[in-house]
């Protein structure tokens, strides 16, 4: 999550949106309050199990790049990296490469 604001800022001119989908888990706490606490605009879907099923999300958190037509151009795969900054930086780089390819930068 720490890098999503930077991605959204860097790709704002391309109208890239970050969407958080709550799926495959029981709601714990207040997800709207959590999204608001991030400090940047993020779209949230509270009951996203159907969406997760439609996009065959295998990992939580799922991370993918989807174009305006619903075509997935990047899907997070399993990794041996432990949670933390190295993993976040890896995903940040992966998503930026996928966005650049999708946007033909």
Protein backbone atom coordinates (compact mmCIF):
# COMPACT_ATOMS: atom_id res chain seq x y z
CA UNK A 1 0.00 0.00 0.00
CA UNK A 2 2.88 2.35 0.68
CA UNK A 3 3.72 2.58 -3.02
CA UNK A 4 0.20 2.82 -4.43
CA UNK A 5 -0.04 6.55 -3.81
CA UNK A 6 3.15 7.10 -5.84
CA UNK A 7 1.82 4.98 -8.68
CA UNK A 8 -1.48 6.84 -8.68
CA UNK A 9 0.33 10.20 -8.66
CA UNK A 10 2.85 9.25 -11.35
CA UNK A 11 0.16 7.88 -13.68
CA UNK A 12 -2.60 10.41 -12.95
CA UNK A 13 -2.28 12.01 -16.41
CA UNK A 14 -3.07 8.56 -17.87
CA UNK A 15 -6.20 8.33 -15.68
CA UNK A 16 -4.89 5.29 -13.77
CA UNK A 17 -7.04 4.46 -10.74
CA UNK A 18 -6.23 2.32 -7.73
CA UNK A 19 -9.13 0.08 -6.66
CA UNK A 20 -9.12 -1.89 -3.42
CA UNK A 21 -11.46 -4.87 -3.35
CA UNK A 22 -12.31 -6.59 -0.09
CA UNK A 23 -12.74 -10.29 -0.88
CA UNK A 24 -12.22 -13.78 0.44
CA UNK A 25 -12.28 -12.67 4.05
CA UNK A 26 -14.65 -11.57 6.70
CA UNK A 27 -14.63 -7.84 7.23
CA UNK A 28 -12.57 -6.98 10.29
CA UNK A 29 -12.69 -3.43 11.52
CA UNK A 30 -13.87 -0.59 9.32
CA UNK A 31 -12.50 -0.92 5.76
CA UNK A 32 -13.78 2.53 4.78
CA UNK A 33 -11.94 4.12 7.70
CA UNK A 34 -8.82 2.19 6.69
CA UNK A 35 -8.99 3.41 3.08
CA UNK A 36 -9.57 6.97 4.29
CA UNK A 37 -6.54 6.68 6.59
CA UNK A 38 -4.26 6.08 3.60
CA UNK A 39 -4.41 9.77 2.77
CA UNK A 40 -4.93 9.52 -0.99
CA UNK A 41 -7.99 8.87 -3.15
CA UNK A 42 -8.63 5.17 -3.57
CA UNK A 43 -11.78 3.44 -4.80
CA UNK A 44 -13.05 0.71 -2.50
CA UNK A 45 -15.36 -2.25 -3.09
CA UNK A 46 -16.55 -3.78 0.17
CA UNK A 47 -18.24 -6.95 -1.07
CA UNK A 48 -15.88 -8.04 -3.82
CA UNK A 49 -16.03 -11.84 -3.77
CA UNK A 50 -17.80 -11.95 -7.14
CA UNK A 51 -15.20 -9.65 -8.69
CA UNK A 52 -12.38 -11.72 -7.18
CA UNK A 53 -13.95 -14.83 -8.68
CA UNK A 54 -14.39 -13.25 -12.10
CA UNK A 55 -10.71 -12.24 -12.18
CA UNK A 56 -9.51 -15.52 -10.64
CA UNK A 57 -7.65 -13.85 -7.78
CA UNK A 58 -5.45 -16.51 -6.23
CA UNK A 59 -3.49 -14.50 -3.66
CA UNK A 60 -4.55 -12.04 -0.99
CA UNK A 61 -3.63 -9.36 -1.42
CA UNK A 62 -4.25 -9.68 -5.12
CA UNK A 63 -2.51 -7.16 -7.31
CA UNK A 64 -3.19 -6.70 -10.99
CA UNK A 65 -3.26 -4.19 -13.80
CA UNK A 66 -6.56 -4.17 -15.69
CA UNK A 67 -7.27 -1.95 -18.68
CA UNK A 68 -10.50 -0.09 -19.39
CA UNK A 69 -11.86 -3.12 -21.25
CA UNK A 70 -11.31 -5.45 -18.30
CA UNK A 71 -8.25 -7.14 -19.80
CA UNK A 72 -5.62 -8.17 -17.24
CA UNK A 73 -2.10 -7.29 -18.38
CA UNK A 74 -0.36 -8.03 -15.07
CA UNK A 75 -1.20 -10.42 -12.27
CA UNK A 76 0.84 -10.75 -9.12
CA UNK A 77 2.43 -14.17 -8.83
CA UNK A 78 3.73 -15.97 -5.80
CA UNK A 79 7.11 -14.88 -4.52
CA UNK A 80 9.55 -16.03 -1.88
CA UNK A 81 10.11 -12.47 -0.66
CA UNK A 82 9.03 -11.84 2.91
CA UNK A 83 6.48 -9.10 3.64
CA UNK A 84 8.05 -5.69 4.03
CA UNK A 85 9.90 -3.07 2.01
CA UNK A 86 11.73 -5.40 -0.44
CA UNK A 87 8.45 -7.08 -1.40
CA UNK A 88 6.65 -3.74 -1.73
CA UNK A 89 9.45 -2.37 -3.91
CA UNK A 90 9.35 -5.50 -6.08
CA UNK A 91 5.59 -5.17 -6.65
CA UNK A 92 5.92 -1.43 -7.26
CA UNK A 93 8.47 -2.08 -10.01
CA UNK A 94 6.41 -4.89 -11.53
CA UNK A 95 3.25 -2.77 -11.67
CA UNK A 96 5.09 0.21 -13.18
CA UNK A 97 6.55 -1.97 -15.95
CA UNK A 98 3.08 -3.41 -16.66
CA UNK A 99 1.52 0.05 -16.72
CA UNK A 100 4.23 1.39 -19.02
CA UNK A 101 3.63 -1.51 -21.41
CA UNK A 102 -0.14 -1.12 -21.28
CA UNK A 103 0.13 2.63 -21.85
CA UNK A 104 2.89 2.19 -24.45
CA UNK A 105 5.24 4.60 -22.68
